[in-house]
C-alpha atoms as a PDB file:
ATOM      1  CA  MET A   1     -28.517 -24.281  -0.998  1.00  0.00           C
ATOM      2  CA  ASN A   2     -25.959 -25.833  -3.291  1.00  0.00           C
ATOM      3  CA  PRO A   3     -22.450 -24.811  -2.148  1.00  0.00           C
ATOM      4  CA  SER A   4     -21.496 -24.088  -5.753  1.00  0.00           C
ATOM      5  CA  ASP A   5     -24.454 -21.690  -6.098  1.00  0.00           C
ATOM      6  CA  ILE A   6     -23.027 -18.679  -4.261  1.00  0.00           C
ATOM      7  CA  THR A   7     -23.730 -15.010  -4.899  1.00  0.00           C
ATOM      8  CA  LYS A   8     -21.262 -12.438  -3.583  1.00  0.00           C
ATOM      9  CA  THR A   9     -21.344  -8.668  -3.792  1.00  0.00           C
ATOM     10  CA  TYR A  10     -18.512  -6.158  -3.710  1.00  0.00           C
ATOM     11  CA  GLY A  11     -19.370  -2.453  -3.425  1.00  0.00           C
ATOM     12  CA  ASN A  12     -17.524   0.860  -3.432  1.00  0.00           C
ATOM     13  CA  GLY A  13     -20.341   3.336  -2.756  1.00  0.00           C
ATOM     14  CA  GLU A  14     -20.923   4.010  -6.467  1.00  0.00           C
ATOM     15  CA  ILE A  15     -21.446   0.537  -7.882  1.00  0.00           C
ATOM     16  CA  THR A  16     -21.751  -3.021  -6.646  1.00  0.00           C
ATOM     17  CA  VAL A  17     -20.238  -5.943  -8.546  1.00  0.00           C
ATOM     18  CA  VAL A  18     -22.377  -9.063  -8.223  1.00  0.00           C
ATOM     19  CA  TRP A  19     -20.754 -12.459  -8.812  1.00  0.00           C
ATOM     20  CA  LYS A  20     -22.870 -15.605  -9.245  1.00  0.00           C
ATOM     21  CA  SER A  21     -20.679 -18.673  -8.910  1.00  0.00           C
ATOM     22  CA  ALA A  22     -23.162 -21.012 -10.591  1.00  0.00           C
ATOM     23  CA  LEU A  23     -22.900 -19.027 -13.835  1.00  0.00           C
ATOM     24  CA  CYS A  24     -19.128 -18.573 -13.840  1.00  0.00           C
ATOM     25  CA  ILE A  25     -17.281 -20.475 -16.575  1.00  0.00           C
ATOM     26  CA  HIS A  26     -13.847 -19.273 -15.379  1.00  0.00           C
ATOM     27  CA  SER A  27     -12.902 -17.795 -18.753  1.00  0.00           C
ATOM     28  CA  GLY A  28     -10.458 -15.433 -17.057  1.00  0.00           C
ATOM     29  CA  ILE A  29     -11.496 -12.452 -19.173  1.00  0.00           C
ATOM     30  CA  CYS A  30     -12.111 -10.381 -16.043  1.00  0.00           C
ATOM     31  CA  ALA A  31      -8.673 -11.110 -14.575  1.00  0.00           C
ATOM     32  CA  ARG A  32      -6.804 -10.592 -17.851  1.00  0.00           C
ATOM     33  CA  GLY A  33      -8.632  -7.340 -18.579  1.00  0.00           C
ATOM     34  CA  LEU A  34      -8.417  -5.750 -15.122  1.00  0.00           C
ATOM     35  CA  PRO A  35      -5.971  -7.775 -13.026  1.00  0.00           C
ATOM     36  CA  GLU A  36      -5.679  -5.157 -10.290  1.00  0.00           C
ATOM     37  CA  VAL A  37      -9.382  -5.713  -9.481  1.00  0.00           C
ATOM     38  CA  PHE A  38     -10.079  -9.340 -10.410  1.00  0.00           C
ATOM     39  CA  GLN A  39      -7.642 -11.652  -8.604  1.00  0.00           C
ATOM     40  CA  PRO A  40      -9.083 -15.194  -8.606  1.00  0.00           C
ATOM     41  CA  ARG A  41      -6.304 -16.624  -6.437  1.00  0.00           C
ATOM     42  CA  ASN A  42      -6.938 -14.174  -3.589  1.00  0.00           C
ATOM     43  CA  ARG A  43      -9.758 -13.838  -1.062  1.00  0.00           C
ATOM     44  CA  PRO A  44     -11.686 -11.687  -1.495  1.00  0.00           C
ATOM     45  CA  TRP A  45     -11.008 -12.115  -5.188  1.00  0.00           C
ATOM     46  CA  ILE A  46     -12.544  -8.798  -6.260  1.00  0.00           C
ATOM     47  CA  ARG A  47     -10.705  -5.679  -5.037  1.00  0.00           C
ATOM     48  CA  ILE A  48     -13.261  -3.116  -6.137  1.00  0.00           C
ATOM     49  CA  GLU A  49     -11.260  -0.236  -4.675  1.00  0.00           C
ATOM     50  CA  ALA A  50      -8.359  -0.916  -7.056  1.00  0.00           C
ATOM     51  CA  ALA A  51      -9.851   0.827 -10.118  1.00  0.00           C
ATOM     52  CA  GLU A  52     -12.331   3.494 -11.104  1.00  0.00           C
ATOM     53  CA  SER A  53     -15.970   2.438 -11.292  1.00  0.00           C
ATOM     54  CA  ALA A  54     -16.200   3.154 -15.034  1.00  0.00           C
ATOM     55  CA  ARG A  55     -13.319   0.775 -15.788  1.00  0.00           C
ATOM     56  CA  ILE A  56     -14.897  -1.946 -13.640  1.00  0.00           C
ATOM     57  CA  VAL A  57     -18.285  -1.516 -15.329  1.00  0.00           C
ATOM     58  CA  GLU A  58     -16.618  -1.794 -18.739  1.00  0.00           C
ATOM     59  CA  GLN A  59     -14.748  -4.979 -17.791  1.00  0.00           C
ATOM     60  CA  VAL A  60     -17.763  -6.622 -16.141  1.00  0.00           C
ATOM     61  CA  GLY A  61     -19.669  -6.005 -19.387  1.00  0.00           C
ATOM     62  CA  LYS A  62     -17.210  -8.349 -21.138  1.00  0.00           C
ATOM     63  CA  CYS A  63     -18.078 -11.332 -18.916  1.00  0.00           C
ATOM     64  CA  PRO A  64     -19.223 -14.024 -21.383  1.00  0.00           C
ATOM     65  CA  SER A  65     -21.341 -16.019 -18.921  1.00  0.00           C
ATOM     66  CA  GLY A  66     -23.140 -13.222 -17.113  1.00  0.00           C
ATOM     67  CA  ALA A  67     -21.665 -14.381 -13.801  1.00  0.00           C
ATOM     68  CA  LEU A  68     -20.508 -10.819 -13.174  1.00  0.00           C
ATOM     69  CA  SER A  69     -23.000  -7.973 -13.217  1.00  0.00           C
ATOM     70  CA  ILE A  70     -23.275  -4.415 -11.937  1.00  0.00           C
ATOM     71  CA  GLN A  71     -25.782  -2.824  -9.603  1.00  0.00           C
ATOM     72  CA  GLU A  72     -25.499   0.942  -9.795  1.00  0.00           C
ATOM     73  CA  LYS A  73     -26.288   3.024  -6.765  1.00  0.00           C
ATOM     74  CA  ALA A  74     -29.740   4.557  -7.119  1.00  0.00           C
END
């Protein structure tokens, strides 16, 4: 596995944010739009508990590369 091809998931019981490093173009749209959740300088860099699921889903939908996606709880 290529070290730059990492997939991480961050869940809150309602939704799961999926991040695929190989697709990320580091546009910063996630961090500028919802900085309390998306904090690229921290580890873990997604604090999914910091906002309501609907706001996170909306922001993830703005990701231009598709590196961020949502898995909703079935």
